[in-house]
Amino acid sequence: MASDVVATIVEQWRSERPDLDPSPIGVIGRLSRVSQHVTADLVSLYRRFDLSEGEFDVLATLRRVGAPHALAPSALVGLTMVTKGAVSKRLDTLEAKGLIAREAAAHDGRGRIVRLTDAGLALIDEAVAAHLQNERRILDALPARDRAELERILTAWARHYESAHPAAP
């Protein structure tokens, strides 16, 4: 079993600053470390499809809204929860790769929509299947009961943050 770096850090703080309670490091430190490992596993998969994390997010968002797999850029901002500038940069890259197309909106010639191309749809369908398999593999480290409990806890924690900071990512 790998050493528990976070436990070592907590014990060091207990020794050096007995006047402080370092126990929050146990939760926050482990959450941070697990997040780093999970992100690395996810990004590694995206690279297999020549996508960044943000590019995958945009393609997956367009795919999951259903046919015709198209949205206004402002809707993408809301559904991906990143800035307009970040979405614009991702769209530029995805358009250059031939995975999305920007078109005039049918109802308003001044407006634009972003839609998946056939190549984009094929790529994201393959990537999402691999992504979900990868997420299953990541979660297989925990028994089903623990996964359900973790989801319950994280949902409550996320709701707390989202109600206190509704505009935050």
N, C-alpha and C. Protein backbone atom coordinates (compact mmCIF):
# COMPACT_ATOMS: atom_id res chain seq x y z
N MET A 1 0.85 -1.19 0.00
CA MET A 1 0.00 0.00 0.00
C MET A 1 0.89 1.24 0.00
N ALA A 2 0.52 2.23 -0.77
CA ALA A 2 1.29 3.47 -0.87
C ALA A 2 1.21 4.23 0.46
N SER A 3 2.25 5.01 0.71
CA SER A 3 2.25 5.79 1.95
C SER A 3 1.19 6.88 1.87
N ASP A 4 0.71 7.27 3.02
CA ASP A 4 -0.31 8.31 3.10
C ASP A 4 0.38 9.64 3.42
N VAL A 5 0.72 10.36 2.35
CA VAL A 5 1.42 11.63 2.49
C VAL A 5 0.60 12.62 3.32
N VAL A 6 -0.71 12.61 3.12
CA VAL A 6 -1.56 13.55 3.84
C VAL A 6 -1.52 13.28 5.33
N ALA A 7 -1.55 12.01 5.73
CA ALA A 7 -1.46 11.68 7.16
C ALA A 7 -0.13 12.18 7.73
N THR A 8 0.93 12.04 6.97
CA THR A 8 2.24 12.54 7.41
C THR A 8 2.20 14.05 7.60
N ILE A 9 1.59 14.76 6.66
CA ILE A 9 1.49 16.22 6.76
C ILE A 9 0.69 16.62 7.99
N VAL A 10 -0.43 15.94 8.23
CA VAL A 10 -1.25 16.25 9.41
C VAL A 10 -0.44 16.02 10.69
N GLU A 11 0.25 14.91 10.76
CA GLU A 11 1.05 14.62 11.96
C GLU A 11 2.18 15.63 12.15
N GLN A 12 2.80 16.05 11.05
CA GLN A 12 3.86 17.06 11.17
C GLN A 12 3.30 18.36 11.73
N TRP A 13 2.12 18.78 11.25
CA TRP A 13 1.52 20.00 11.78
C TRP A 13 1.13 19.83 13.25
N ARG A 14 0.62 18.66 13.61
CA ARG A 14 0.28 18.41 15.02
C ARG A 14 1.51 18.54 15.90
N SER A 15 2.61 18.05 15.40
CA SER A 15 3.86 18.10 16.17
C SER A 15 4.40 19.52 16.25
N GLU A 16 4.39 20.23 15.13
CA GLU A 16 4.99 21.56 15.07
C GLU A 16 4.09 22.66 15.62
N ARG A 17 2.78 22.48 15.47
CA ARG A 17 1.83 23.49 15.95
C ARG A 17 0.69 22.82 16.70
N PRO A 18 0.96 22.32 17.91
CA PRO A 18 -0.08 21.63 18.67
C PRO A 18 -1.25 22.54 19.04
N ASP A 19 -1.06 23.84 18.89
CA ASP A 19 -2.14 24.79 19.18
C ASP A 19 -3.16 24.87 18.04
N LEU A 20 -2.85 24.25 16.90
CA LEU A 20 -3.75 24.28 15.74
C LEU A 20 -4.36 22.89 15.51
N ASP A 21 -5.55 22.87 14.92
CA ASP A 21 -6.20 21.61 14.54
C ASP A 21 -6.00 21.40 13.04
N PRO A 22 -5.07 20.52 12.65
CA PRO A 22 -4.81 20.30 11.23
C PRO A 22 -5.75 19.27 10.58
N SER A 23 -6.77 18.81 11.29
CA SER A 23 -7.63 17.75 10.76
C SER A 23 -8.30 18.09 9.42
N PRO A 24 -8.63 19.37 9.12
CA PRO A 24 -9.21 19.64 7.80
C PRO A 24 -8.29 19.24 6.64
N ILE A 25 -6.98 19.24 6.90
CA ILE A 25 -6.04 18.83 5.85
C ILE A 25 -6.31 17.39 5.44
N GLY A 26 -6.78 16.58 6.37
CA GLY A 26 -7.09 15.19 6.06
C GLY A 26 -8.11 15.06 4.94
N VAL A 27 -9.16 15.86 5.01
CA VAL A 27 -10.20 15.81 3.98
C VAL A 27 -9.78 16.60 2.74
N ILE A 28 -9.41 17.86 2.94
CA ILE A 28 -9.10 18.73 1.80
C ILE A 28 -7.86 18.23 1.06
N GLY A 29 -6.85 17.83 1.79
CA GLY A 29 -5.63 17.32 1.16
C GLY A 29 -5.88 16.08 0.33
N ARG A 30 -6.66 15.15 0.88
CA ARG A 30 -6.96 13.93 0.13
C ARG A 30 -7.85 14.23 -1.07
N LEU A 31 -8.81 15.12 -0.88
CA LEU A 31 -9.68 15.52 -1.99
C LEU A 31 -8.84 16.11 -3.12
N SER A 32 -7.89 16.96 -2.76
CA SER A 32 -7.02 17.58 -3.75
C SER A 32 -6.16 16.53 -4.46
N ARG A 33 -5.59 15.62 -3.70
CA ARG A 33 -4.73 14.59 -4.31
C ARG A 33 -5.53 13.67 -5.23
N VAL A 34 -6.71 13.25 -4.78
CA VAL A 34 -7.55 12.39 -5.61
C VAL A 34 -7.95 13.14 -6.88
N SER A 35 -8.30 14.42 -6.74
CA SER A 35 -8.68 15.23 -7.90
C SER A 35 -7.54 15.30 -8.91
N GLN A 36 -6.33 15.46 -8.44
CA GLN A 36 -5.18 15.51 -9.34
C GLN A 36 -5.01 14.19 -10.10
N HIS A 37 -5.15 13.07 -9.38
CA HIS A 37 -5.01 11.76 -10.02
C HIS A 37 -6.14 11.51 -11.03
N VAL A 38 -7.37 11.83 -10.64
CA VAL A 38 -8.51 11.62 -11.54
C VAL A 38 -8.36 12.49 -12.78
N THR A 39 -8.00 13.76 -12.58
CA THR A 39 -7.82 14.66 -13.73
C THR A 39 -6.75 14.12 -14.67
N ALA A 40 -5.65 13.63 -14.13
CA ALA A 40 -4.59 13.07 -14.97
C ALA A 40 -5.10 11.87 -15.77
N ASP A 41 -5.90 11.01 -15.13
CA ASP A 41 -6.47 9.86 -15.84
C ASP A 41 -7.42 10.30 -16.95
N LEU A 42 -8.23 11.32 -16.68
CA LEU A 42 -9.18 11.81 -17.68
C LEU A 42 -8.46 12.47 -18.84
N VAL A 43 -7.51 13.34 -18.53
CA VAL A 43 -6.79 14.08 -19.57
C VAL A 43 -6.00 13.12 -20.46
N SER A 44 -5.46 12.08 -19.87
CA SER A 44 -4.73 11.08 -20.64
C SER A 44 -5.64 10.44 -21.69
N LEU A 45 -6.87 10.18 -21.31
CA LEU A 45 -7.82 9.61 -22.27
C LEU A 45 -8.16 10.62 -23.36
N TYR A 46 -8.39 11.88 -22.99
CA TYR A 46 -8.72 12.90 -24.00
C TYR A 46 -7.61 13.01 -25.03
N ARG A 47 -6.37 12.91 -24.58
CA ARG A 47 -5.23 13.01 -25.50
C ARG A 47 -5.25 11.91 -26.55
N ARG A 48 -5.76 10.75 -26.18
CA ARG A 48 -5.87 9.65 -27.16
C ARG A 48 -6.75 10.05 -28.34
N PHE A 49 -7.63 11.01 -28.11
CA PHE A 49 -8.53 11.49 -29.16
C PHE A 49 -8.09 12.86 -29.69
N ASP A 50 -6.87 13.26 -29.35
CA ASP A 50 -6.31 14.55 -29.76
C ASP A 50 -7.20 15.71 -29.30
N LEU A 51 -7.69 15.60 -28.07
CA LEU A 51 -8.53 16.64 -27.49
C LEU A 51 -7.97 17.11 -26.16
N SER A 52 -8.18 18.38 -25.87
CA SER A 52 -7.91 18.88 -24.53
C SER A 52 -9.15 18.63 -23.67
N GLU A 53 -9.02 18.83 -22.39
CA GLU A 53 -10.16 18.68 -21.49
C GLU A 53 -11.30 19.62 -21.90
N GLY A 54 -10.95 20.86 -22.22
CA GLY A 54 -11.95 21.84 -22.61
C GLY A 54 -12.61 21.52 -23.94
N GLU A 55 -11.83 21.01 -24.88
CA GLU A 55 -12.40 20.63 -26.18
C GLU A 55 -13.36 19.46 -26.03
N PHE A 56 -12.98 18.49 -25.21
CA PHE A 56 -13.88 17.37 -24.93
C PHE A 56 -15.18 17.89 -24.33
N ASP A 57 -15.08 18.82 -23.39
CA ASP A 57 -16.25 19.39 -22.73
C ASP A 57 -17.21 20.02 -23.74
N VAL A 58 -16.68 20.80 -24.67
CA VAL A 58 -17.53 21.45 -25.68
C VAL A 58 -18.19 20.41 -26.57
N LEU A 59 -17.42 19.45 -27.08
CA LEU A 59 -17.99 18.43 -27.96
C LEU A 59 -19.04 17.60 -27.22
N ALA A 60 -18.75 17.22 -25.98
CA ALA A 60 -19.70 16.43 -25.20
C ALA A 60 -20.98 17.22 -24.93
N THR A 61 -20.84 18.52 -24.69
CA THR A 61 -22.02 19.36 -24.46
C THR A 61 -22.89 19.41 -25.70
N LEU A 62 -22.28 19.62 -26.85
CA LEU A 62 -23.04 19.65 -28.10
C LEU A 62 -23.70 18.29 -28.38
N ARG A 63 -23.02 17.22 -28.05
CA ARG A 63 -23.57 15.88 -28.29
C ARG A 63 -24.75 15.59 -27.37
N ARG A 64 -24.64 15.95 -26.11
CA ARG A 64 -25.66 15.54 -25.15
C ARG A 64 -26.95 16.37 -25.25
N VAL A 65 -26.92 17.51 -25.97
CA VAL A 65 -28.16 18.27 -26.13
C VAL A 65 -29.06 17.67 -27.20
N GLY A 66 -28.58 16.68 -27.92
CA GLY A 66 -29.39 16.00 -28.92
C GLY A 66 -29.35 16.70 -30.27
N ALA A 67 -29.92 16.00 -31.26
CA ALA A 67 -29.93 16.51 -32.63
C ALA A 67 -30.67 17.84 -32.65
N PRO A 68 -30.18 18.79 -33.40
CA PRO A 68 -29.11 18.73 -34.40
C PRO A 68 -27.71 18.98 -33.82
N HIS A 69 -27.53 18.79 -32.51
CA HIS A 69 -26.22 18.95 -31.87
C HIS A 69 -25.65 20.34 -32.11
N ALA A 70 -26.49 21.33 -31.83
CA ALA A 70 -26.11 22.72 -32.10
C ALA A 70 -26.61 23.62 -30.97
N LEU A 71 -25.81 24.62 -30.65
CA LEU A 71 -26.15 25.61 -29.62
C LEU A 71 -25.55 26.96 -30.00
N ALA A 72 -26.14 27.99 -29.44
CA ALA A 72 -25.52 29.31 -29.53
C ALA A 72 -24.29 29.32 -28.63
N PRO A 73 -23.26 30.08 -28.98
CA PRO A 73 -22.08 30.15 -28.12
C PRO A 73 -22.42 30.55 -26.68
N SER A 74 -23.40 31.44 -26.50
CA SER A 74 -23.77 31.85 -25.14
C SER A 74 -24.34 30.68 -24.35
N ALA A 75 -25.07 29.79 -25.00
CA ALA A 75 -25.59 28.60 -24.32
C ALA A 75 -24.45 27.66 -23.93
N LEU A 76 -23.45 27.56 -24.79
CA LEU A 76 -22.27 26.75 -24.46
C LEU A 76 -21.56 27.29 -23.23
N VAL A 77 -21.49 28.62 -23.12
CA VAL A 77 -20.85 29.23 -21.94
C VAL A 77 -21.58 28.77 -20.69
N GLY A 78 -22.90 28.80 -20.71
CA GLY A 78 -23.68 28.41 -19.54
C GLY A 78 -23.59 26.93 -19.23
N LEU A 79 -23.55 26.09 -20.25
CA LEU A 79 -23.54 24.65 -20.03
C LEU A 79 -22.16 24.09 -19.72
N THR A 80 -21.12 24.82 -20.09
CA THR A 80 -19.77 24.37 -19.77
C THR A 80 -19.20 25.13 -18.58
N MET A 81 -19.86 26.19 -18.18
CA MET A 81 -19.48 26.99 -17.01
C MET A 81 -18.05 27.52 -17.09
N VAL A 82 -17.68 28.00 -18.26
CA VAL A 82 -16.41 28.70 -18.41
C VAL A 82 -16.71 30.05 -19.06
N THR A 83 -15.71 30.88 -19.15
CA THR A 83 -15.91 32.22 -19.69
C THR A 83 -16.15 32.19 -21.18
N LYS A 84 -16.72 33.28 -21.68
CA LYS A 84 -16.98 33.42 -23.11
C LYS A 84 -15.66 33.33 -23.89
N GLY A 85 -14.62 33.95 -23.37
CA GLY A 85 -13.32 33.90 -24.04
C GLY A 85 -12.77 32.49 -24.12
N ALA A 86 -12.93 31.71 -23.05
CA ALA A 86 -12.44 30.33 -23.05
C ALA A 86 -13.21 29.49 -24.07
N VAL A 87 -14.53 29.67 -24.12
CA VAL A 87 -15.33 28.93 -25.10
C VAL A 87 -14.93 29.33 -26.51
N SER A 88 -14.73 30.62 -26.74
CA SER A 88 -14.36 31.11 -28.07
C SER A 88 -13.04 30.47 -28.53
N LYS A 89 -12.08 30.39 -27.64
CA LYS A 89 -10.79 29.78 -27.99
C LYS A 89 -10.96 28.30 -28.32
N ARG A 90 -11.76 27.61 -27.52
CA ARG A 90 -12.01 26.19 -27.78
C ARG A 90 -12.71 26.00 -29.13
N LEU A 91 -13.66 26.88 -29.41
CA LEU A 91 -14.38 26.78 -30.68
C LEU A 91 -13.44 27.01 -31.86
N ASP A 92 -12.53 27.97 -31.74
CA ASP A 92 -11.55 28.21 -32.81
C ASP A 92 -10.75 26.94 -33.10
N THR A 93 -10.28 26.29 -32.05
CA THR A 93 -9.47 25.08 -32.20
C THR A 93 -10.29 23.94 -32.80
N LEU A 94 -11.50 23.75 -32.28
CA LEU A 94 -12.35 22.66 -32.78
C LEU A 94 -12.77 22.89 -34.22
N GLU A 95 -13.00 24.15 -34.59
CA GLU A 95 -13.35 24.47 -35.97
C GLU A 95 -12.16 24.17 -36.89
N ALA A 96 -10.96 24.53 -36.46
CA ALA A 96 -9.76 24.26 -37.26
C ALA A 96 -9.55 22.76 -37.45
N LYS A 97 -9.97 21.96 -36.48
CA LYS A 97 -9.85 20.50 -36.57
C LYS A 97 -11.00 19.89 -37.39
N GLY A 98 -11.97 20.70 -37.78
CA GLY A 98 -13.10 20.20 -38.55
C GLY A 98 -14.15 19.47 -37.73
N LEU A 99 -14.15 19.69 -36.41
CA LEU A 99 -15.07 18.97 -35.54
C LEU A 99 -16.36 19.73 -35.24
N ILE A 100 -16.33 21.05 -35.42
CA ILE A 100 -17.54 21.87 -35.28
C ILE A 100 -17.60 22.84 -36.45
N ALA A 101 -18.78 23.38 -36.68
CA ALA A 101 -18.96 24.43 -37.68
C ALA A 101 -19.76 25.55 -37.03
N ARG A 102 -19.42 26.78 -37.39
CA ARG A 102 -20.19 27.94 -36.93
C ARG A 102 -21.04 28.41 -38.09
N GLU A 103 -22.32 28.59 -37.82
CA GLU A 103 -23.26 28.95 -38.88
C GLU A 103 -24.17 30.07 -38.40
N ALA A 104 -24.78 30.73 -39.36
CA ALA A 104 -25.78 31.74 -39.01
C ALA A 104 -26.99 31.03 -38.41
N ALA A 105 -27.55 31.64 -37.38
CA ALA A 105 -28.75 31.08 -36.75
C ALA A 105 -29.93 31.22 -37.71
N ALA A 106 -30.73 30.19 -37.82
CA ALA A 106 -31.85 30.19 -38.76
C ALA A 106 -32.88 31.27 -38.42
N HIS A 107 -33.12 31.50 -37.14
CA HIS A 107 -34.14 32.46 -36.72
C HIS A 107 -33.64 33.89 -36.69
N ASP A 108 -32.32 34.06 -36.74
CA ASP A 108 -31.74 35.40 -36.62
C ASP A 108 -30.42 35.40 -37.38
N GLY A 109 -30.39 36.00 -38.54
CA GLY A 109 -29.19 36.01 -39.37
C GLY A 109 -27.98 36.63 -38.72
N ARG A 110 -28.20 37.47 -37.71
CA ARG A 110 -27.05 38.08 -37.02
C ARG A 110 -26.46 37.13 -35.98
N GLY A 111 -27.29 36.24 -35.45
CA GLY A 111 -26.82 35.30 -34.44
C GLY A 111 -26.05 34.14 -35.06
N ARG A 112 -25.29 33.45 -34.25
CA ARG A 112 -24.50 32.31 -34.71
C ARG A 112 -24.87 31.08 -33.88
N ILE A 113 -24.73 29.94 -34.49
CA ILE A 113 -24.83 28.69 -33.75
C ILE A 113 -23.58 27.87 -34.03
N VAL A 114 -23.30 26.98 -33.12
CA VAL A 114 -22.17 26.07 -33.25
C VAL A 114 -22.78 24.68 -33.32
N ARG A 115 -22.36 23.90 -34.30
CA ARG A 115 -22.89 22.54 -34.41
C ARG A 115 -21.75 21.56 -34.64
N LEU A 116 -21.98 20.34 -34.21
CA LEU A 116 -21.03 19.27 -34.49
C LEU A 116 -21.04 18.95 -35.97
N THR A 117 -19.88 18.74 -36.55
CA THR A 117 -19.80 18.21 -37.90
C THR A 117 -19.96 16.69 -37.81
N ASP A 118 -20.08 16.04 -38.95
CA ASP A 118 -20.16 14.57 -38.93
C ASP A 118 -18.90 13.98 -38.28
N ALA A 119 -17.75 14.57 -38.58
CA ALA A 119 -16.49 14.09 -37.98
C ALA A 119 -16.50 14.33 -36.47
N GLY A 120 -17.02 15.48 -36.05
CA GLY A 120 -17.11 15.78 -34.62
C GLY A 120 -18.03 14.83 -33.89
N LEU A 121 -19.17 14.52 -34.51
CA LEU A 121 -20.13 13.60 -33.91
C LEU A 121 -19.52 12.20 -33.78
N ALA A 122 -18.86 11.74 -34.82
CA ALA A 122 -18.23 10.41 -34.77
C ALA A 122 -17.14 10.36 -33.70
N LEU A 123 -16.33 11.41 -33.63
CA LEU A 123 -15.25 11.44 -32.64
C LEU A 123 -15.79 11.48 -31.22
N ILE A 124 -16.76 12.35 -30.95
CA ILE A 124 -17.25 12.46 -29.58
C ILE A 124 -18.02 11.21 -29.16
N ASP A 125 -18.71 10.57 -30.08
CA ASP A 125 -19.38 9.32 -29.72
C ASP A 125 -18.37 8.27 -29.27
N GLU A 126 -17.28 8.16 -29.98
CA GLU A 126 -16.22 7.21 -29.59
C GLU A 126 -15.55 7.65 -28.29
N ALA A 127 -15.27 8.94 -28.18
CA ALA A 127 -14.58 9.45 -26.99
C ALA A 127 -15.44 9.33 -25.73
N VAL A 128 -16.74 9.60 -25.84
CA VAL A 128 -17.61 9.51 -24.66
C VAL A 128 -17.71 8.06 -24.19
N ALA A 129 -17.81 7.12 -25.11
CA ALA A 129 -17.85 5.71 -24.71
C ALA A 129 -16.58 5.34 -23.95
N ALA A 130 -15.43 5.75 -24.46
CA ALA A 130 -14.16 5.48 -23.78
C ALA A 130 -14.07 6.23 -22.46
N HIS A 131 -14.58 7.46 -22.43
CA HIS A 131 -14.57 8.28 -21.21
C HIS A 131 -15.38 7.62 -20.10
N LEU A 132 -16.57 7.14 -20.43
CA LEU A 132 -17.41 6.51 -19.40
C LEU A 132 -16.79 5.21 -18.92
N GLN A 133 -16.16 4.47 -19.81
CA GLN A 133 -15.45 3.26 -19.41
C GLN A 133 -14.28 3.62 -18.49
N ASN A 134 -13.58 4.70 -18.80
CA ASN A 134 -12.47 5.16 -17.98
C ASN A 134 -12.97 5.59 -16.59
N GLU A 135 -14.08 6.32 -16.55
CA GLU A 135 -14.63 6.74 -15.26
C GLU A 135 -15.05 5.52 -14.44
N ARG A 136 -15.63 4.51 -15.10
CA ARG A 136 -15.99 3.28 -14.39
C ARG A 136 -14.75 2.63 -13.79
N ARG A 137 -13.69 2.58 -14.58
CA ARG A 137 -12.43 1.98 -14.10
C ARG A 137 -11.90 2.75 -12.89
N ILE A 138 -11.96 4.08 -12.95
CA ILE A 138 -11.49 4.91 -11.84
C ILE A 138 -12.30 4.61 -10.58
N LEU A 139 -13.61 4.53 -10.73
CA LEU A 139 -14.48 4.31 -9.57
C LEU A 139 -14.47 2.88 -9.07
N ASP A 140 -14.01 1.95 -9.88
CA ASP A 140 -13.95 0.55 -9.45
C ASP A 140 -13.03 0.34 -8.25
N ALA A 141 -12.21 1.33 -7.94
CA ALA A 141 -11.35 1.24 -6.76
C ALA A 141 -12.18 1.26 -5.47
N LEU A 142 -13.43 1.69 -5.57
CA LEU A 142 -14.31 1.78 -4.40
C LEU A 142 -15.47 0.79 -4.52
N PRO A 143 -15.87 0.18 -3.41
CA PRO A 143 -17.07 -0.66 -3.44
C PRO A 143 -18.30 0.19 -3.79
N ALA A 144 -19.32 -0.43 -4.37
CA ALA A 144 -20.52 0.28 -4.81
C ALA A 144 -21.14 1.10 -3.68
N ARG A 145 -21.20 0.55 -2.49
CA ARG A 145 -21.78 1.27 -1.34
C ARG A 145 -21.00 2.55 -1.05
N ASP A 146 -19.68 2.48 -1.12
CA ASP A 146 -18.85 3.67 -0.87
C ASP A 146 -19.03 4.70 -1.98
N ARG A 147 -19.15 4.24 -3.23
CA ARG A 147 -19.39 5.18 -4.34
C ARG A 147 -20.69 5.93 -4.14
N ALA A 148 -21.74 5.21 -3.74
CA ALA A 148 -23.04 5.86 -3.52
C ALA A 148 -22.95 6.87 -2.37
N GLU A 149 -22.26 6.51 -1.31
CA GLU A 149 -22.11 7.42 -0.18
C GLU A 149 -21.27 8.64 -0.57
N LEU A 150 -20.21 8.41 -1.32
CA LEU A 150 -19.37 9.52 -1.78
C LEU A 150 -20.18 10.45 -2.67
N GLU A 151 -20.98 9.91 -3.57
CA GLU A 151 -21.80 10.75 -4.44
C GLU A 151 -22.79 11.57 -3.60
N ARG A 152 -23.39 10.96 -2.59
CA ARG A 152 -24.33 11.67 -1.73
C ARG A 152 -23.63 12.83 -1.02
N ILE A 153 -22.47 12.57 -0.46
CA ILE A 153 -21.72 13.60 0.27
C ILE A 153 -21.29 14.72 -0.68
N LEU A 154 -20.73 14.36 -1.83
CA LEU A 154 -20.27 15.38 -2.78
C LEU A 154 -21.42 16.20 -3.34
N THR A 155 -22.58 15.57 -3.54
CA THR A 155 -23.75 16.30 -4.01
C THR A 155 -24.17 17.35 -2.99
N ALA A 156 -24.22 16.97 -1.73
CA ALA A 156 -24.59 17.92 -0.67
C ALA A 156 -23.57 19.05 -0.59
N TRP A 157 -22.31 18.72 -0.69
CA TRP A 157 -21.25 19.73 -0.60
C TRP A 157 -21.31 20.68 -1.80
N ALA A 158 -21.52 20.12 -2.98
CA ALA A 158 -21.63 20.95 -4.19
C ALA A 158 -22.84 21.88 -4.10
N ARG A 159 -23.96 21.37 -3.60
CA ARG A 159 -25.15 22.22 -3.45
C ARG A 159 -24.88 23.38 -2.51
N HIS A 160 -24.15 23.11 -1.43
CA HIS A 160 -23.79 24.18 -0.50
C HIS A 160 -23.02 25.27 -1.22
N TYR A 161 -21.99 24.88 -1.96
CA TYR A 161 -21.18 25.86 -2.68
C TYR A 161 -21.97 26.57 -3.77
N GLU A 162 -22.75 25.82 -4.51
CA GLU A 162 -23.49 26.41 -5.63
C GLU A 162 -24.59 27.36 -5.16
N SER A 163 -25.16 27.11 -3.99
CA SER A 163 -26.16 28.06 -3.48
C SER A 163 -25.48 29.31 -2.94
N ALA A 164 -24.29 29.16 -2.40
CA ALA A 164 -23.56 30.32 -1.87
C ALA A 164 -22.85 31.12 -2.96
N HIS A 165 -22.47 30.45 -4.03
CA HIS A 165 -21.72 31.07 -5.13
C HIS A 165 -22.29 30.62 -6.47
N PRO A 166 -23.51 31.04 -6.83
CA PRO A 166 -24.15 30.50 -8.03
C PRO A 166 -23.43 30.79 -9.34
N ALA A 167 -22.62 31.83 -9.42
CA ALA A 167 -21.94 32.16 -10.67
C ALA A 167 -20.58 31.51 -10.79
N ALA A 168 -20.10 30.87 -9.74
CA ALA A 168 -18.76 30.28 -9.76
C ALA A 168 -18.76 28.98 -10.56
N PRO A 169 -17.58 28.56 -11.06
CA PRO A 169 -17.50 27.32 -11.83
C PRO A 169 -17.75 26.15 -10.94
